[in-house]
């Protein structure tokens, strides 16, 4: 079960990404104990949901604080990766689409 803060991210991203995020796969942001966000870029329309018990083509593990900095545009995802602040498992190609997806989610 996600925290209210993670639920807010799910709601906000869901309304901003729209029917077609351009992702073309499934992506999960795993924040550890506080919850996770699952973006289904394969479904039509695309959806954003709680990521509990869901596997994805690409899983990005990071703290909620790091995610929020990236989401607000205060930190570059590539820099965060290089600094060890986020880990990527699975399809690296989907991880490379992270910046444009988050820009769209920011509105």
N, C-alpha and C. Protein backbone atom coordinates (compact mmCIF):
# COMPACT_ATOMS: atom_id res chain seq x y z
N UNK A 1 0.84 -1.19 0.00
CA UNK A 1 0.00 0.00 0.00
C UNK A 1 0.88 1.24 0.00
N UNK A 2 0.58 2.16 -0.88
CA UNK A 2 1.37 3.38 -1.02
C UNK A 2 0.93 4.44 -0.01
N UNK A 3 1.86 5.33 0.30
CA UNK A 3 1.57 6.44 1.19
C UNK A 3 0.73 7.48 0.44
N UNK A 4 0.08 8.40 1.17
CA UNK A 4 -0.70 9.46 0.50
C UNK A 4 0.15 10.27 -0.49
N UNK A 5 1.42 10.46 -0.16
CA UNK A 5 2.32 11.20 -1.05
C UNK A 5 2.49 10.47 -2.38
N UNK A 6 2.65 9.15 -2.34
CA UNK A 6 2.79 8.35 -3.56
C UNK A 6 1.46 8.33 -4.31
N UNK A 7 0.35 8.25 -3.60
CA UNK A 7 -0.96 8.30 -4.26
C UNK A 7 -1.16 9.61 -5.02
N UNK A 8 -0.66 10.70 -4.46
CA UNK A 8 -0.76 12.00 -5.12
C UNK A 8 0.05 11.99 -6.42
N UNK A 9 1.23 11.38 -6.41
CA UNK A 9 2.06 11.29 -7.62
C UNK A 9 1.32 10.48 -8.69
N UNK A 10 0.71 9.36 -8.27
CA UNK A 10 -0.03 8.50 -9.20
C UNK A 10 -1.16 9.30 -9.86
N UNK A 11 -1.93 10.03 -9.05
CA UNK A 11 -3.05 10.82 -9.56
C UNK A 11 -2.57 11.91 -10.52
N UNK A 12 -1.54 12.64 -10.09
CA UNK A 12 -1.02 13.75 -10.89
C UNK A 12 -0.44 13.26 -12.22
N UNK A 13 0.39 12.21 -12.17
CA UNK A 13 0.99 11.70 -13.39
C UNK A 13 -0.07 11.12 -14.33
N UNK A 14 -1.05 10.45 -13.76
CA UNK A 14 -2.11 9.86 -14.57
C UNK A 14 -2.87 10.90 -15.37
N UNK A 15 -3.17 12.03 -14.73
CA UNK A 15 -3.94 13.06 -15.43
C UNK A 15 -3.09 13.80 -16.46
N UNK A 16 -1.79 13.91 -16.23
CA UNK A 16 -0.93 14.68 -17.14
C UNK A 16 -0.36 13.86 -18.29
N UNK A 17 -0.13 12.58 -18.08
CA UNK A 17 0.45 11.78 -19.17
C UNK A 17 -0.55 11.51 -20.28
N UNK A 18 -1.83 11.42 -19.93
CA UNK A 18 -2.85 11.24 -20.95
C UNK A 18 -2.91 9.83 -21.51
N UNK A 19 -3.59 9.69 -22.64
CA UNK A 19 -3.87 8.38 -23.22
C UNK A 19 -2.65 7.73 -23.83
N UNK A 20 -1.67 8.54 -24.27
CA UNK A 20 -0.48 7.97 -24.89
C UNK A 20 0.76 8.71 -24.39
N UNK A 21 1.47 8.07 -23.47
CA UNK A 21 2.66 8.67 -22.86
C UNK A 21 3.86 8.64 -23.80
N UNK A 22 3.81 7.78 -24.81
CA UNK A 22 4.96 7.61 -25.70
C UNK A 22 5.97 6.62 -25.16
N UNK A 23 5.64 5.99 -24.05
CA UNK A 23 6.57 5.06 -23.40
C UNK A 23 6.70 3.75 -24.16
N UNK A 24 5.60 3.15 -24.55
CA UNK A 24 5.63 1.91 -25.31
C UNK A 24 6.04 0.68 -24.50
N UNK A 25 5.99 0.77 -23.20
CA UNK A 25 6.34 -0.34 -22.33
C UNK A 25 5.83 -0.07 -20.93
N UNK A 26 6.21 -0.91 -19.98
CA UNK A 26 5.80 -0.69 -18.60
C UNK A 26 7.00 -0.26 -17.77
N UNK A 27 6.78 0.71 -16.92
CA UNK A 27 7.84 1.30 -16.11
C UNK A 27 7.35 1.41 -14.68
N UNK A 28 8.21 1.04 -13.75
CA UNK A 28 7.86 1.10 -12.33
C UNK A 28 8.90 1.92 -11.60
N UNK A 29 8.43 2.91 -10.83
CA UNK A 29 9.29 3.66 -9.92
C UNK A 29 9.10 3.02 -8.55
N UNK A 30 10.15 2.43 -8.01
CA UNK A 30 10.09 1.75 -6.73
C UNK A 30 10.75 2.62 -5.67
N UNK A 31 9.94 3.09 -4.71
CA UNK A 31 10.44 3.96 -3.64
C UNK A 31 10.69 3.19 -2.35
N UNK A 32 10.72 1.87 -2.42
CA UNK A 32 10.94 1.05 -1.23
C UNK A 32 9.68 0.95 -0.38
N UNK A 33 9.83 1.13 0.92
CA UNK A 33 8.72 0.94 1.87
C UNK A 33 7.55 1.90 1.68
N UNK A 34 7.79 3.08 1.08
CA UNK A 34 6.71 4.07 0.95
C UNK A 34 5.78 3.78 -0.22
N UNK A 35 6.20 2.90 -1.13
CA UNK A 35 5.32 2.53 -2.24
C UNK A 35 6.00 2.59 -3.59
N UNK A 36 5.20 2.50 -4.64
CA UNK A 36 5.73 2.53 -6.00
C UNK A 36 4.67 3.04 -6.96
N UNK A 37 5.14 3.49 -8.12
CA UNK A 37 4.27 4.00 -9.18
C UNK A 37 4.52 3.16 -10.42
N UNK A 38 3.44 2.69 -11.05
CA UNK A 38 3.52 1.83 -12.22
C UNK A 38 2.88 2.54 -13.40
N UNK A 39 3.65 2.74 -14.47
CA UNK A 39 3.13 3.36 -15.68
C UNK A 39 3.01 2.27 -16.74
N UNK A 40 1.78 2.05 -17.21
CA UNK A 40 1.54 1.07 -18.27
C UNK A 40 1.42 1.82 -19.59
N UNK A 41 2.53 1.85 -20.32
CA UNK A 41 2.58 2.53 -21.61
C UNK A 41 2.20 1.62 -22.76
N UNK A 42 1.76 0.40 -22.46
CA UNK A 42 1.32 -0.54 -23.49
C UNK A 42 -0.19 -0.53 -23.65
N UNK A 43 -0.91 -0.25 -22.56
CA UNK A 43 -2.37 -0.27 -22.60
C UNK A 43 -2.90 0.94 -23.36
N UNK A 44 -4.10 0.83 -23.88
CA UNK A 44 -4.74 1.95 -24.54
C UNK A 44 -6.07 2.20 -23.85
N UNK A 45 -6.25 3.32 -23.18
CA UNK A 45 -5.25 4.36 -22.96
C UNK A 45 -4.20 3.93 -21.93
N UNK A 46 -3.08 4.65 -21.93
CA UNK A 46 -2.05 4.38 -20.93
C UNK A 46 -2.62 4.63 -19.54
N UNK A 47 -2.02 3.98 -18.53
CA UNK A 47 -2.51 4.16 -17.17
C UNK A 47 -1.36 4.29 -16.19
N UNK A 48 -1.66 4.94 -15.07
CA UNK A 48 -0.71 5.08 -13.98
C UNK A 48 -1.41 4.54 -12.74
N UNK A 49 -0.73 3.64 -12.02
CA UNK A 49 -1.35 2.99 -10.87
C UNK A 49 -0.32 2.70 -9.79
N UNK A 50 -0.81 2.19 -8.67
CA UNK A 50 0.06 1.70 -7.60
C UNK A 50 0.84 0.51 -8.16
N UNK A 51 2.13 0.48 -7.92
CA UNK A 51 2.97 -0.57 -8.49
C UNK A 51 3.14 -1.81 -7.62
N UNK A 52 2.44 -1.86 -6.49
CA UNK A 52 2.57 -3.02 -5.60
C UNK A 52 2.22 -4.30 -6.34
N UNK A 53 3.08 -5.30 -6.19
CA UNK A 53 2.89 -6.63 -6.78
C UNK A 53 2.80 -6.62 -8.30
N UNK A 54 3.38 -5.62 -8.94
CA UNK A 54 3.40 -5.58 -10.40
C UNK A 54 4.84 -5.60 -10.88
N UNK A 55 5.09 -6.41 -11.91
CA UNK A 55 6.41 -6.40 -12.51
C UNK A 55 6.35 -5.54 -13.77
N UNK A 56 7.47 -4.94 -14.12
CA UNK A 56 7.51 -4.02 -15.25
C UNK A 56 8.68 -4.36 -16.17
N UNK A 57 8.62 -3.85 -17.40
CA UNK A 57 9.73 -4.03 -18.34
C UNK A 57 11.00 -3.36 -17.81
N UNK A 58 10.80 -2.27 -17.08
CA UNK A 58 11.92 -1.52 -16.49
C UNK A 58 11.52 -1.05 -15.10
N UNK A 59 12.35 -1.32 -14.11
CA UNK A 59 12.10 -0.85 -12.75
C UNK A 59 13.22 0.11 -12.35
N UNK A 60 12.82 1.28 -11.91
CA UNK A 60 13.77 2.30 -11.45
C UNK A 60 13.60 2.41 -9.94
N UNK A 61 14.66 2.11 -9.21
CA UNK A 61 14.64 2.14 -7.76
C UNK A 61 15.35 3.41 -7.28
N UNK A 62 14.64 4.20 -6.48
CA UNK A 62 15.18 5.45 -5.97
C UNK A 62 14.36 5.88 -4.76
N UNK A 63 14.88 6.88 -4.05
CA UNK A 63 14.12 7.39 -2.91
C UNK A 63 13.04 8.34 -3.43
N UNK A 64 12.03 8.53 -2.62
CA UNK A 64 10.96 9.46 -2.98
C UNK A 64 11.53 10.87 -3.13
N UNK A 65 12.47 11.23 -2.27
CA UNK A 65 13.10 12.56 -2.33
C UNK A 65 13.82 12.76 -3.67
N UNK A 66 14.58 11.76 -4.13
CA UNK A 66 15.28 11.86 -5.40
C UNK A 66 14.28 11.96 -6.54
N UNK A 67 13.21 11.14 -6.50
CA UNK A 67 12.18 11.19 -7.54
C UNK A 67 11.59 12.59 -7.62
N UNK A 68 11.26 13.18 -6.48
CA UNK A 68 10.63 14.50 -6.48
C UNK A 68 11.56 15.56 -7.06
N UNK A 69 12.85 15.46 -6.80
CA UNK A 69 13.81 16.41 -7.38
C UNK A 69 13.86 16.24 -8.90
N UNK A 70 13.87 15.00 -9.36
CA UNK A 70 13.88 14.73 -10.81
C UNK A 70 12.56 15.21 -11.41
N UNK A 71 11.46 14.91 -10.76
CA UNK A 71 10.12 15.28 -11.24
C UNK A 71 9.98 16.80 -11.38
N UNK A 72 10.53 17.53 -10.43
CA UNK A 72 10.44 19.00 -10.45
C UNK A 72 11.48 19.62 -11.39
N UNK A 73 12.36 18.80 -11.94
CA UNK A 73 13.38 19.31 -12.85
C UNK A 73 14.60 19.86 -12.14
N UNK A 74 14.75 19.56 -10.85
CA UNK A 74 15.87 20.05 -10.06
C UNK A 74 17.08 19.13 -10.15
N UNK A 75 16.89 17.92 -10.67
CA UNK A 75 17.97 16.95 -10.80
C UNK A 75 17.79 16.21 -12.12
N UNK A 76 18.88 16.01 -12.83
CA UNK A 76 18.85 15.29 -14.10
C UNK A 76 18.88 13.78 -13.82
N UNK A 77 18.00 13.00 -14.48
CA UNK A 77 17.98 11.55 -14.23
C UNK A 77 19.32 10.87 -14.51
N UNK A 78 20.02 11.32 -15.55
CA UNK A 78 21.31 10.72 -15.88
C UNK A 78 22.33 11.00 -14.78
N UNK A 79 22.32 12.23 -14.27
CA UNK A 79 23.23 12.58 -13.16
C UNK A 79 22.90 11.74 -11.93
N UNK A 80 21.62 11.58 -11.64
CA UNK A 80 21.20 10.78 -10.49
C UNK A 80 21.69 9.34 -10.63
N UNK A 81 21.60 8.81 -11.84
CA UNK A 81 22.08 7.44 -12.11
C UNK A 81 23.59 7.36 -11.88
N UNK A 82 24.32 8.33 -12.43
CA UNK A 82 25.79 8.34 -12.30
C UNK A 82 26.23 8.49 -10.84
N UNK A 83 25.43 9.19 -10.04
CA UNK A 83 25.74 9.40 -8.63
C UNK A 83 25.27 8.23 -7.75
N UNK A 84 24.62 7.24 -8.38
CA UNK A 84 24.13 6.10 -7.62
C UNK A 84 22.85 6.36 -6.86
N UNK A 85 22.16 7.45 -7.21
CA UNK A 85 20.92 7.79 -6.51
C UNK A 85 19.72 7.07 -7.08
N UNK A 86 19.88 6.45 -8.26
CA UNK A 86 18.83 5.60 -8.80
C UNK A 86 19.46 4.41 -9.50
N UNK A 87 18.73 3.29 -9.45
CA UNK A 87 19.18 2.05 -10.10
C UNK A 87 18.14 1.64 -11.12
N UNK A 88 18.64 1.08 -12.22
CA UNK A 88 17.75 0.64 -13.29
C UNK A 88 17.89 -0.86 -13.46
N UNK A 89 16.75 -1.55 -13.50
CA UNK A 89 16.73 -2.99 -13.77
C UNK A 89 15.79 -3.23 -14.94
N UNK A 90 16.23 -4.01 -15.89
CA UNK A 90 15.38 -4.32 -17.04
C UNK A 90 15.76 -3.51 -18.26
N UNK A 91 14.76 -3.11 -19.03
CA UNK A 91 14.93 -2.45 -20.32
C UNK A 91 15.50 -1.04 -20.18
N UNK A 92 16.78 -0.90 -20.49
CA UNK A 92 17.46 0.39 -20.38
C UNK A 92 16.89 1.40 -21.38
N UNK A 93 16.36 0.91 -22.50
CA UNK A 93 15.76 1.79 -23.49
C UNK A 93 14.57 2.57 -22.91
N UNK A 94 13.79 1.90 -22.07
CA UNK A 94 12.67 2.59 -21.41
C UNK A 94 13.18 3.62 -20.42
N UNK A 95 14.25 3.30 -19.73
CA UNK A 95 14.84 4.25 -18.78
C UNK A 95 15.31 5.51 -19.51
N UNK A 96 15.78 5.33 -20.75
CA UNK A 96 16.26 6.47 -21.53
C UNK A 96 15.11 7.42 -21.91
N UNK A 97 13.88 6.92 -21.88
CA UNK A 97 12.71 7.76 -22.19
C UNK A 97 12.21 8.51 -20.96
N UNK A 98 12.90 8.35 -19.85
CA UNK A 98 12.45 8.93 -18.58
C UNK A 98 12.33 10.46 -18.63
N UNK A 99 13.34 11.15 -19.14
CA UNK A 99 13.29 12.62 -19.16
C UNK A 99 12.09 13.17 -19.92
N UNK A 100 11.84 12.73 -21.17
CA UNK A 100 10.65 13.27 -21.86
C UNK A 100 9.33 12.91 -21.19
N UNK A 101 9.26 11.72 -20.60
CA UNK A 101 8.03 11.29 -19.91
C UNK A 101 7.79 12.20 -18.70
N UNK A 102 8.84 12.48 -17.94
CA UNK A 102 8.66 13.33 -16.75
C UNK A 102 8.39 14.77 -17.14
N UNK A 103 8.96 15.24 -18.26
CA UNK A 103 8.65 16.60 -18.73
C UNK A 103 7.16 16.70 -19.06
N UNK A 104 6.63 15.67 -19.72
CA UNK A 104 5.20 15.64 -20.06
C UNK A 104 4.37 15.60 -18.78
N UNK A 105 4.83 14.82 -17.80
CA UNK A 105 4.09 14.69 -16.53
C UNK A 105 4.09 15.99 -15.74
N UNK A 106 5.15 16.79 -15.89
CA UNK A 106 5.22 18.08 -15.19
C UNK A 106 4.23 19.07 -15.79
N UNK A 107 3.85 18.87 -17.05
CA UNK A 107 2.88 19.75 -17.70
C UNK A 107 3.50 20.93 -18.37
